[in-house]
Amino acid sequence: MYLTMVVIRRASVKRPPTPDAEEEHHREPTLQEIINIRLIESGEKERLKELLKERLTECGWKDDMKDICRSHAKKKGRNSVTVDDLVHVITPKGRASVPDSIKAEMLQQIRSFIASIAL
């Protein structure tokens, strides 16, 4: 009886297959991974982050997000709000409210970088 219970429990565990270590080692990186590596190695990723921060501050987006956080904290009570709560509330609003002009500028910067490394 005990053996049967153990077998049933093991059969009910649904785990993804573990990749073979040898296969993982010989796997070719994806184009996205290659671009990300080049962005990091060249320092371009940091430069783009700084540019994005600057643009979001200039257009008032950053202040808008602060106001949303303050409003949420005031509504919930300062002592009962966690960082996770704020992230959950602000993420969809923040992503939706980034101006299209900034998105276009960042996309153009990334495209220029990719063209310059000739992938």
N, C-alpha and C. Protein backbone atom coordinates (compact mmCIF):
# COMPACT_ATOMS: atom_id res chain seq x y z
N MET A 1 0.82 -1.18 0.00
CA MET A 1 0.00 0.00 0.00
C MET A 1 0.87 1.26 0.00
N TYR A 2 1.88 1.31 0.83
CA TYR A 2 2.76 2.47 0.91
C TYR A 2 3.46 2.70 -0.43
N LEU A 3 3.94 1.66 -1.05
CA LEU A 3 4.62 1.76 -2.32
C LEU A 3 3.69 2.35 -3.39
N THR A 4 2.44 1.96 -3.36
CA THR A 4 1.47 2.47 -4.31
C THR A 4 1.26 3.97 -4.13
N MET A 5 1.19 4.42 -2.90
CA MET A 5 0.99 5.83 -2.63
C MET A 5 2.18 6.67 -3.13
N VAL A 6 3.37 6.15 -2.94
CA VAL A 6 4.57 6.85 -3.38
C VAL A 6 4.57 6.96 -4.90
N VAL A 7 4.22 5.92 -5.58
CA VAL A 7 4.20 5.92 -7.03
C VAL A 7 3.16 6.91 -7.54
N ILE A 8 2.01 6.95 -6.91
CA ILE A 8 0.96 7.88 -7.32
C ILE A 8 1.43 9.32 -7.11
N ARG A 9 2.05 9.61 -6.02
CA ARG A 9 2.54 10.96 -5.77
C ARG A 9 3.59 11.36 -6.80
N ARG A 10 4.49 10.48 -7.09
CA ARG A 10 5.53 10.81 -8.07
C ARG A 10 4.94 11.02 -9.45
N ALA A 11 3.96 10.22 -9.79
CA ALA A 11 3.34 10.36 -11.10
C ALA A 11 2.56 11.66 -11.22
N SER A 12 2.10 12.19 -10.10
CA SER A 12 1.30 13.41 -10.16
C SER A 12 2.14 14.67 -10.24
N VAL A 13 3.42 14.58 -9.99
CA VAL A 13 4.29 15.75 -10.07
C VAL A 13 4.57 16.03 -11.54
N LYS A 14 4.23 17.24 -11.96
CA LYS A 14 4.45 17.61 -13.36
C LYS A 14 5.58 18.61 -13.42
N ARG A 15 6.68 18.16 -13.90
CA ARG A 15 7.85 19.01 -14.04
C ARG A 15 8.27 19.03 -15.50
N PRO A 16 8.82 20.15 -15.95
CA PRO A 16 9.33 20.15 -17.31
C PRO A 16 10.57 19.27 -17.38
N PRO A 17 10.85 18.72 -18.53
CA PRO A 17 12.04 17.88 -18.64
C PRO A 17 13.30 18.70 -18.38
N THR A 18 14.24 18.11 -17.70
CA THR A 18 15.50 18.77 -17.41
C THR A 18 16.37 18.72 -18.66
N PRO A 19 16.84 19.87 -19.12
CA PRO A 19 17.67 19.84 -20.33
C PRO A 19 18.99 19.12 -20.05
N ASP A 20 19.44 18.41 -21.01
CA ASP A 20 20.70 17.70 -20.90
C ASP A 20 21.82 18.74 -20.85
N ALA A 21 22.67 18.65 -19.88
CA ALA A 21 23.74 19.64 -19.69
C ALA A 21 24.61 19.75 -20.94
N GLU A 22 24.84 18.65 -21.58
CA GLU A 22 25.67 18.65 -22.79
C GLU A 22 24.98 19.42 -23.92
N GLU A 23 23.66 19.22 -24.08
CA GLU A 23 22.91 19.93 -25.11
C GLU A 23 22.93 21.43 -24.85
N GLU A 24 22.73 21.83 -23.60
CA GLU A 24 22.69 23.24 -23.23
C GLU A 24 24.04 23.91 -23.52
N HIS A 25 25.11 23.18 -23.30
CA HIS A 25 26.44 23.72 -23.51
C HIS A 25 26.71 23.99 -25.00
N HIS A 26 26.19 23.17 -25.88
CA HIS A 26 26.46 23.28 -27.31
C HIS A 26 25.39 24.06 -28.06
N ARG A 27 24.42 24.59 -27.36
CA ARG A 27 23.33 25.32 -27.99
C ARG A 27 23.85 26.65 -28.53
N GLU A 28 23.44 27.01 -29.72
CA GLU A 28 23.80 28.30 -30.31
C GLU A 28 22.94 29.39 -29.69
N PRO A 29 23.53 30.55 -29.39
CA PRO A 29 22.72 31.64 -28.82
C PRO A 29 21.75 32.18 -29.87
N THR A 30 20.59 32.63 -29.42
CA THR A 30 19.60 33.21 -30.33
C THR A 30 20.06 34.59 -30.75
N LEU A 31 19.43 35.13 -31.78
CA LEU A 31 19.77 36.46 -32.24
C LEU A 31 19.53 37.49 -31.14
N GLN A 32 18.44 37.32 -30.40
CA GLN A 32 18.14 38.23 -29.30
C GLN A 32 19.25 38.18 -28.24
N GLU A 33 19.73 36.98 -27.93
CA GLU A 33 20.81 36.84 -26.95
C GLU A 33 22.10 37.49 -27.45
N ILE A 34 22.38 37.33 -28.72
CA ILE A 34 23.60 37.91 -29.31
C ILE A 34 23.53 39.44 -29.23
N ILE A 35 22.38 40.00 -29.61
CA ILE A 35 22.20 41.45 -29.57
C ILE A 35 22.35 41.96 -28.14
N ASN A 36 21.73 41.27 -27.18
CA ASN A 36 21.83 41.68 -25.78
C ASN A 36 23.27 41.64 -25.29
N ILE A 37 24.00 40.63 -25.64
CA ILE A 37 25.41 40.52 -25.25
C ILE A 37 26.21 41.69 -25.82
N ARG A 38 25.99 41.99 -27.11
CA ARG A 38 26.71 43.09 -27.75
C ARG A 38 26.34 44.44 -27.13
N LEU A 39 25.05 44.61 -26.79
CA LEU A 39 24.62 45.85 -26.13
C LEU A 39 25.36 46.04 -24.81
N ILE A 40 25.46 44.97 -24.04
CA ILE A 40 26.11 45.04 -22.73
C ILE A 40 27.62 45.27 -22.89
N GLU A 41 28.25 44.47 -23.74
CA GLU A 41 29.70 44.57 -23.91
C GLU A 41 30.15 45.94 -24.42
N SER A 42 29.35 46.54 -25.27
CA SER A 42 29.73 47.83 -25.85
C SER A 42 29.41 49.01 -24.93
N GLY A 43 28.60 48.76 -23.90
CA GLY A 43 28.17 49.85 -23.03
C GLY A 43 26.95 50.58 -23.56
N GLU A 44 26.46 50.15 -24.71
CA GLU A 44 25.31 50.80 -25.34
C GLU A 44 24.04 50.62 -24.51
N LYS A 45 23.91 49.50 -23.84
CA LYS A 45 22.71 49.26 -23.03
C LYS A 45 22.60 50.30 -21.92
N GLU A 46 23.69 50.59 -21.24
CA GLU A 46 23.71 51.60 -20.19
C GLU A 46 23.41 52.98 -20.76
N ARG A 47 23.98 53.28 -21.91
CA ARG A 47 23.74 54.57 -22.55
C ARG A 47 22.26 54.72 -22.90
N LEU A 48 21.65 53.67 -23.43
CA LEU A 48 20.24 53.72 -23.79
C LEU A 48 19.35 53.85 -22.55
N LYS A 49 19.73 53.19 -21.47
CA LYS A 49 18.97 53.32 -20.22
C LYS A 49 19.00 54.77 -19.73
N GLU A 50 20.16 55.38 -19.77
CA GLU A 50 20.30 56.77 -19.33
C GLU A 50 19.50 57.70 -20.23
N LEU A 51 19.54 57.47 -21.53
CA LEU A 51 18.78 58.28 -22.46
C LEU A 51 17.27 58.14 -22.19
N LEU A 52 16.83 56.94 -21.94
CA LEU A 52 15.42 56.70 -21.64
C LEU A 52 15.01 57.42 -20.36
N LYS A 53 15.82 57.31 -19.32
CA LYS A 53 15.52 58.01 -18.07
C LYS A 53 15.40 59.51 -18.29
N GLU A 54 16.34 60.05 -19.06
CA GLU A 54 16.35 61.48 -19.34
C GLU A 54 15.08 61.90 -20.09
N ARG A 55 14.71 61.15 -21.12
CA ARG A 55 13.52 61.48 -21.91
C ARG A 55 12.24 61.37 -21.07
N LEU A 56 12.15 60.33 -20.24
CA LEU A 56 10.95 60.15 -19.41
C LEU A 56 10.82 61.26 -18.37
N THR A 57 11.94 61.73 -17.87
CA THR A 57 11.92 62.84 -16.90
C THR A 57 11.51 64.13 -17.61
N GLU A 58 12.08 64.37 -18.79
CA GLU A 58 11.77 65.59 -19.55
C GLU A 58 10.28 65.72 -19.88
N CYS A 59 9.64 64.61 -20.21
CA CYS A 59 8.23 64.68 -20.64
C CYS A 59 7.25 64.64 -19.47
N GLY A 60 7.76 64.48 -18.26
CA GLY A 60 6.88 64.47 -17.09
C GLY A 60 6.36 63.10 -16.70
N TRP A 61 6.74 62.08 -17.43
CA TRP A 61 6.28 60.72 -17.15
C TRP A 61 6.69 60.28 -15.75
N LYS A 62 7.91 60.57 -15.38
CA LYS A 62 8.42 60.16 -14.07
C LYS A 62 7.60 60.80 -12.94
N ASP A 63 7.29 62.07 -13.07
CA ASP A 63 6.48 62.76 -12.06
C ASP A 63 5.06 62.17 -12.00
N ASP A 64 4.52 61.82 -13.17
CA ASP A 64 3.19 61.20 -13.20
C ASP A 64 3.19 59.88 -12.44
N MET A 65 4.24 59.09 -12.61
CA MET A 65 4.33 57.80 -11.93
C MET A 65 4.48 57.99 -10.42
N LYS A 66 5.24 59.02 -10.03
CA LYS A 66 5.37 59.33 -8.59
C LYS A 66 4.02 59.70 -8.00
N ASP A 67 3.25 60.50 -8.75
CA ASP A 67 1.93 60.90 -8.27
C ASP A 67 1.00 59.69 -8.10
N ILE A 68 1.07 58.77 -9.04
CA ILE A 68 0.24 57.55 -8.95
C ILE A 68 0.65 56.75 -7.71
N CYS A 69 1.93 56.63 -7.46
CA CYS A 69 2.42 55.90 -6.28
C CYS A 69 1.97 56.58 -4.99
N ARG A 70 2.12 57.89 -4.95
CA ARG A 70 1.70 58.63 -3.75
C ARG A 70 0.21 58.48 -3.50
N SER A 71 -0.57 58.57 -4.56
CA SER A 71 -2.02 58.44 -4.44
C SER A 71 -2.40 57.05 -3.93
N HIS A 72 -1.74 56.04 -4.46
CA HIS A 72 -2.01 54.66 -4.03
C HIS A 72 -1.62 54.47 -2.56
N ALA A 73 -0.48 55.02 -2.18
CA ALA A 73 -0.01 54.89 -0.80
C ALA A 73 -0.96 55.62 0.16
N LYS A 74 -1.44 56.77 -0.25
CA LYS A 74 -2.37 57.53 0.58
C LYS A 74 -3.69 56.77 0.74
N LYS A 75 -4.16 56.18 -0.34
CA LYS A 75 -5.42 55.44 -0.33
C LYS A 75 -5.33 54.18 0.53
N LYS A 76 -4.23 53.47 0.42
CA LYS A 76 -4.05 52.21 1.15
C LYS A 76 -3.53 52.40 2.56
N GLY A 77 -2.91 53.52 2.81
CA GLY A 77 -2.26 53.74 4.10
C GLY A 77 -0.77 53.50 3.94
N ARG A 78 0.01 54.47 4.31
CA ARG A 78 1.46 54.41 4.09
C ARG A 78 2.12 53.16 4.65
N ASN A 79 1.68 52.72 5.82
CA ASN A 79 2.34 51.59 6.47
C ASN A 79 1.93 50.24 5.91
N SER A 80 0.86 50.20 5.12
CA SER A 80 0.41 48.91 4.60
C SER A 80 0.76 48.70 3.13
N VAL A 81 1.42 49.65 2.51
CA VAL A 81 1.79 49.52 1.09
C VAL A 81 3.19 48.93 0.99
N THR A 82 3.33 47.95 0.11
CA THR A 82 4.64 47.35 -0.13
C THR A 82 5.14 47.76 -1.52
N VAL A 83 6.39 47.53 -1.75
CA VAL A 83 6.97 47.80 -3.06
C VAL A 83 6.26 46.95 -4.11
N ASP A 84 5.99 45.69 -3.77
CA ASP A 84 5.29 44.81 -4.71
C ASP A 84 3.92 45.36 -5.08
N ASP A 85 3.20 45.93 -4.11
CA ASP A 85 1.90 46.56 -4.39
C ASP A 85 2.07 47.68 -5.41
N LEU A 86 3.05 48.53 -5.17
CA LEU A 86 3.28 49.66 -6.07
C LEU A 86 3.66 49.19 -7.47
N VAL A 87 4.52 48.20 -7.55
CA VAL A 87 4.92 47.67 -8.85
C VAL A 87 3.70 47.11 -9.58
N HIS A 88 2.86 46.39 -8.87
CA HIS A 88 1.66 45.80 -9.47
C HIS A 88 0.72 46.88 -10.00
N VAL A 89 0.57 47.96 -9.27
CA VAL A 89 -0.32 49.05 -9.66
C VAL A 89 0.27 49.88 -10.80
N ILE A 90 1.53 50.18 -10.70
CA ILE A 90 2.13 51.16 -11.62
C ILE A 90 2.58 50.57 -12.95
N THR A 91 2.95 49.30 -12.99
CA THR A 91 3.51 48.72 -14.21
C THR A 91 2.60 48.87 -15.43
N PRO A 92 1.34 48.43 -15.37
CA PRO A 92 0.51 48.57 -16.58
C PRO A 92 0.30 50.05 -16.97
N LYS A 93 0.11 50.91 -15.99
CA LYS A 93 -0.10 52.33 -16.28
C LYS A 93 1.17 52.95 -16.85
N GLY A 94 2.29 52.58 -16.28
CA GLY A 94 3.56 53.13 -16.74
C GLY A 94 3.89 52.73 -18.17
N ARG A 95 3.70 51.47 -18.48
CA ARG A 95 3.99 51.01 -19.84
C ARG A 95 3.06 51.66 -20.86
N ALA A 96 1.80 51.78 -20.50
CA ALA A 96 0.81 52.34 -21.42
C ALA A 96 1.01 53.84 -21.64
N SER A 97 1.63 54.51 -20.69
CA SER A 97 1.72 55.97 -20.79
C SER A 97 3.05 56.51 -21.31
N VAL A 98 3.96 55.62 -21.71
CA VAL A 98 5.21 56.10 -22.32
C VAL A 98 4.86 56.70 -23.67
N PRO A 99 5.24 57.94 -23.91
CA PRO A 99 4.90 58.60 -25.18
C PRO A 99 5.44 57.83 -26.39
N ASP A 100 4.64 57.81 -27.45
CA ASP A 100 5.04 57.11 -28.67
C ASP A 100 6.33 57.67 -29.25
N SER A 101 6.55 58.96 -29.10
CA SER A 101 7.77 59.58 -29.63
C SER A 101 9.02 59.00 -28.95
N ILE A 102 8.91 58.73 -27.67
CA ILE A 102 10.05 58.16 -26.95
C ILE A 102 10.26 56.71 -27.37
N LYS A 103 9.18 55.98 -27.51
CA LYS A 103 9.30 54.59 -27.99
C LYS A 103 9.96 54.56 -29.36
N ALA A 104 9.53 55.45 -30.25
CA ALA A 104 10.09 55.50 -31.60
C ALA A 104 11.58 55.85 -31.57
N GLU A 105 11.94 56.82 -30.72
CA GLU A 105 13.34 57.22 -30.61
C GLU A 105 14.20 56.06 -30.11
N MET A 106 13.73 55.36 -29.09
CA MET A 106 14.50 54.23 -28.55
C MET A 106 14.64 53.12 -29.59
N LEU A 107 13.55 52.84 -30.30
CA LEU A 107 13.59 51.81 -31.34
C LEU A 107 14.59 52.19 -32.43
N GLN A 108 14.60 53.45 -32.81
CA GLN A 108 15.55 53.91 -33.83
C GLN A 108 16.99 53.78 -33.33
N GLN A 109 17.23 54.09 -32.08
CA GLN A 109 18.57 53.95 -31.50
C GLN A 109 19.03 52.49 -31.53
N ILE A 110 18.12 51.59 -31.18
CA ILE A 110 18.45 50.15 -31.18
C ILE A 110 18.71 49.67 -32.60
N ARG A 111 17.88 50.09 -33.54
CA ARG A 111 18.08 49.70 -34.95
C ARG A 111 19.42 50.20 -35.47
N SER A 112 19.77 51.42 -35.12
CA SER A 112 21.07 51.97 -35.56
C SER A 112 22.22 51.16 -34.98
N PHE A 113 22.08 50.78 -33.71
CA PHE A 113 23.14 49.97 -33.08
C PHE A 113 23.29 48.63 -33.80
N ILE A 114 22.16 47.99 -34.07
CA ILE A 114 22.20 46.68 -34.74
C ILE A 114 22.83 46.82 -36.12
N ALA A 115 22.48 47.88 -36.83
CA ALA A 115 23.08 48.11 -38.16
C ALA A 115 24.58 48.34 -38.05
N SER A 116 25.00 49.01 -36.99
CA SER A 116 26.43 49.31 -36.83
C SER A 116 27.27 48.09 -36.51
N ILE A 117 26.66 47.08 -35.89
CA ILE A 117 27.43 45.86 -35.59
C ILE A 117 27.28 44.82 -36.68
N ALA A 118 26.48 45.13 -37.69
CA ALA A 118 26.33 44.30 -38.89
C ALA A 118 25.99 42.85 -38.58
N LEU A 119 24.84 42.67 -37.93
CA LEU A 119 24.39 41.29 -37.66
C LEU A 119 23.71 40.70 -38.84
